[in-house]
Amino acid sequence: MLHYSVIFFIIALIAAALGFGGIAGSAVGIAKILFFAFLILAVLSFLFGRRR
C-alpha cells in the first residue's frame, strides 16, 4: 500500500507542477484530489504498517 501512496504522490507533484505553472488550468483540481488521496493512503499505510 505504501507503494501506491508514493505513486499517487508523484502523480500529484506532476499535476501540481503543470497546474500551478499555468500550463494546464484543470490540473490544479486534479493535483488537489491526488494530493489528498496520497495523504489518506500514506496515513493508512503507516497505521496498518505499525500493526504488523
N, C-alpha and C. Protein backbone atom coordinates (compact mmCIF):
# COMPACT_ATOMS: atom_id res chain seq x y z
N MET A 1 0.82 -1.18 0.00
CA MET A 1 0.00 0.00 0.00
C MET A 1 0.87 1.25 0.00
N LEU A 2 2.03 1.20 0.62
CA LEU A 2 2.93 2.34 0.62
C LEU A 2 3.41 2.64 -0.79
N HIS A 3 3.57 1.60 -1.59
CA HIS A 3 3.99 1.77 -2.98
C HIS A 3 2.96 2.61 -3.76
N TYR A 4 1.69 2.31 -3.56
CA TYR A 4 0.64 3.06 -4.26
C TYR A 4 0.57 4.50 -3.77
N SER A 5 0.80 4.72 -2.49
CA SER A 5 0.76 6.09 -1.99
C SER A 5 1.92 6.92 -2.55
N VAL A 6 3.07 6.30 -2.74
CA VAL A 6 4.20 7.01 -3.35
C VAL A 6 3.90 7.33 -4.81
N ILE A 7 3.27 6.41 -5.51
CA ILE A 7 2.89 6.66 -6.91
C ILE A 7 1.89 7.80 -7.00
N PHE A 8 0.88 7.81 -6.11
CA PHE A 8 -0.08 8.91 -6.09
C PHE A 8 0.61 10.24 -5.77
N PHE A 9 1.60 10.21 -4.89
CA PHE A 9 2.32 11.43 -4.53
C PHE A 9 3.09 11.97 -5.73
N ILE A 10 3.74 11.11 -6.49
CA ILE A 10 4.50 11.55 -7.66
C ILE A 10 3.56 12.12 -8.72
N ILE A 11 2.43 11.46 -8.93
CA ILE A 11 1.46 11.97 -9.90
C ILE A 11 0.90 13.31 -9.44
N ALA A 12 0.67 13.46 -8.14
CA ALA A 12 0.18 14.73 -7.61
C ALA A 12 1.20 15.83 -7.80
N LEU A 13 2.47 15.53 -7.61
CA LEU A 13 3.51 16.54 -7.81
C LEU A 13 3.58 16.96 -9.27
N ILE A 14 3.46 16.02 -10.19
CA ILE A 14 3.50 16.35 -11.61
C ILE A 14 2.29 17.20 -11.99
N ALA A 15 1.12 16.80 -11.51
CA ALA A 15 -0.09 17.57 -11.81
C ALA A 15 -0.02 18.96 -11.19
N ALA A 16 0.56 19.06 -10.00
CA ALA A 16 0.69 20.37 -9.36
C ALA A 16 1.66 21.26 -10.13
N ALA A 17 2.75 20.70 -10.62
CA ALA A 17 3.71 21.49 -11.39
C ALA A 17 3.08 22.00 -12.67
N LEU A 18 2.26 21.16 -13.31
CA LEU A 18 1.59 21.60 -14.53
C LEU A 18 0.52 22.65 -14.23
N GLY A 19 -0.23 22.44 -13.17
CA GLY A 19 -1.34 23.34 -12.86
C GLY A 19 -0.90 24.66 -12.28
N PHE A 20 0.04 24.63 -11.36
CA PHE A 20 0.46 25.85 -10.70
C PHE A 20 1.38 26.67 -11.60
N GLY A 21 1.99 26.03 -12.58
CA GLY A 21 2.85 26.75 -13.51
C GLY A 21 2.07 27.44 -14.62
N GLY A 22 0.79 27.21 -14.70
CA GLY A 22 -0.04 27.85 -15.71
C GLY A 22 -0.13 27.08 -17.01
N ILE A 23 0.45 25.90 -17.06
CA ILE A 23 0.44 25.11 -18.30
C ILE A 23 -0.96 24.54 -18.55
N ALA A 24 -1.55 23.98 -17.50
CA ALA A 24 -2.89 23.39 -17.64
C ALA A 24 -3.71 23.81 -16.44
N GLY A 25 -4.72 24.61 -16.67
CA GLY A 25 -5.53 25.13 -15.58
C GLY A 25 -6.33 24.07 -14.87
N SER A 26 -6.76 23.04 -15.59
CA SER A 26 -7.57 22.00 -14.96
C SER A 26 -6.73 21.05 -14.12
N ALA A 27 -5.42 21.10 -14.26
CA ALA A 27 -4.56 20.20 -13.48
C ALA A 27 -4.52 20.58 -12.00
N VAL A 28 -4.94 21.79 -11.67
CA VAL A 28 -4.95 22.21 -10.27
C VAL A 28 -5.94 21.36 -9.48
N GLY A 29 -7.13 21.16 -10.02
CA GLY A 29 -8.12 20.33 -9.35
C GLY A 29 -7.66 18.89 -9.23
N ILE A 30 -7.03 18.39 -10.28
CA ILE A 30 -6.51 17.02 -10.25
C ILE A 30 -5.41 16.89 -9.21
N ALA A 31 -4.56 17.92 -9.11
CA ALA A 31 -3.47 17.88 -8.15
C ALA A 31 -4.00 17.88 -6.72
N LYS A 32 -5.05 18.66 -6.47
CA LYS A 32 -5.63 18.68 -5.13
C LYS A 32 -6.22 17.33 -4.77
N ILE A 33 -6.94 16.72 -5.69
CA ILE A 33 -7.55 15.41 -5.44
C ILE A 33 -6.47 14.36 -5.20
N LEU A 34 -5.45 14.36 -6.04
CA LEU A 34 -4.38 13.37 -5.89
C LEU A 34 -3.57 13.60 -4.61
N PHE A 35 -3.39 14.86 -4.24
CA PHE A 35 -2.65 15.15 -3.02
C PHE A 35 -3.38 14.62 -1.79
N PHE A 36 -4.70 14.85 -1.75
CA PHE A 36 -5.46 14.34 -0.61
C PHE A 36 -5.54 12.81 -0.65
N ALA A 37 -5.59 12.24 -1.84
CA ALA A 37 -5.58 10.77 -1.94
C ALA A 37 -4.25 10.23 -1.41
N PHE A 38 -3.15 10.92 -1.70
CA PHE A 38 -1.85 10.50 -1.18
C PHE A 38 -1.82 10.59 0.33
N LEU A 39 -2.36 11.67 0.88
CA LEU A 39 -2.35 11.81 2.33
C LEU A 39 -3.15 10.70 3.01
N ILE A 40 -4.30 10.38 2.45
CA ILE A 40 -5.13 9.32 3.03
C ILE A 40 -4.42 7.97 2.93
N LEU A 41 -3.84 7.68 1.77
CA LEU A 41 -3.14 6.40 1.61
C LEU A 41 -1.90 6.32 2.48
N ALA A 42 -1.19 7.44 2.64
CA ALA A 42 0.00 7.44 3.47
C ALA A 42 -0.36 7.18 4.94
N VAL A 43 -1.40 7.83 5.42
CA VAL A 43 -1.82 7.63 6.81
C VAL A 43 -2.27 6.18 7.01
N LEU A 44 -3.04 5.66 6.08
CA LEU A 44 -3.50 4.27 6.20
C LEU A 44 -2.33 3.29 6.17
N SER A 45 -1.36 3.53 5.30
CA SER A 45 -0.23 2.60 5.22
C SER A 45 0.63 2.68 6.48
N PHE A 46 0.76 3.87 7.06
CA PHE A 46 1.53 3.96 8.30
C PHE A 46 0.79 3.29 9.47
N LEU A 47 -0.52 3.44 9.50
CA LEU A 47 -1.29 2.82 10.58
C LEU A 47 -1.28 1.30 10.47
N PHE A 48 -1.52 0.78 9.28
CA PHE A 48 -1.55 -0.67 9.11
C PHE A 48 -0.15 -1.26 9.12
N GLY A 49 0.86 -0.49 8.77
CA GLY A 49 2.24 -0.97 8.81
C GLY A 49 2.74 -1.15 10.23
N ARG A 50 2.28 -0.32 11.14
CA ARG A 50 2.70 -0.41 12.53
C ARG A 50 2.02 -1.55 13.27
N ARG A 51 0.88 -1.98 12.78
CA ARG A 51 0.15 -3.06 13.45
C ARG A 51 0.76 -4.42 13.18
N ARG A 52 1.57 -4.53 12.16
CA ARG A 52 2.17 -5.83 11.82
C ARG A 52 3.33 -6.16 12.70
